[in-house]
């Protein structure tokens, strides 16, 4: 996969189709999700290093033979980060087509705005608002993406544990963390169902704030509810 990205410029969707054609599946026999492909492509584990805790700047070398070289990993990452070719005036946003306007029933779209400061810094803001497809005079205001994410994280804390998407991957990561805490840090992590479920919710909330677009949508994709926005508040029905 890394070679196809680095040397052929393959995208995640190209890899998804390629793996399906090769009949490559997970250990449970399921097709590898697009979000899973991006996770693997961004996992430094494959070239023999890992960061703990994530974002701490503390890196460790694994006691195993790496699958790829660091050079190949970086080349693949650079290719993925290259700006995609898009038609003028188009953009992609994380949460479009996932909400309806609670005031008029229209869809919710998004737009980005940039604020340029005198010191040369530029800040990007994303706003979600009614498309006005059903009511051109709808007064529903726009909501910032940061506020949207905070409300979605609250929903994750309050829905049934089985409604959270990516359960298989999240549970794997939680088990991986607990094993790391025990074997590397020497921390006892006796299993407790309540704390285990809390860790699953924490990880899901982390993905909503820091994951890829596909991961975020997959986390919310299993919600057995309809998400609407009214008065800048997300309603769950």
Foldseek 3Di string as FASTA:
>chain_A
DLCCCLPVVDALVNVQVVCVVVLDPPPVSHRQDSLNSVVVLPQCVQQFKDDPPPPPPDMDGDPDHHNDHPVSSVSSVVSHPPDDDDDPPDDDDQCFPQAAAPQFRAGKDKDKDWDADPVGDIDIWMWIDGPCPRHVPDPFDIATLVLVLVQVLVVLVPDDLVQFFPVVVLLVVLVVVQVCCCPPVVDHDPDDPVVSSVSSSVVLSVCSVDNDSVSVCRRNVSHPWHWYAGNNHTDTD
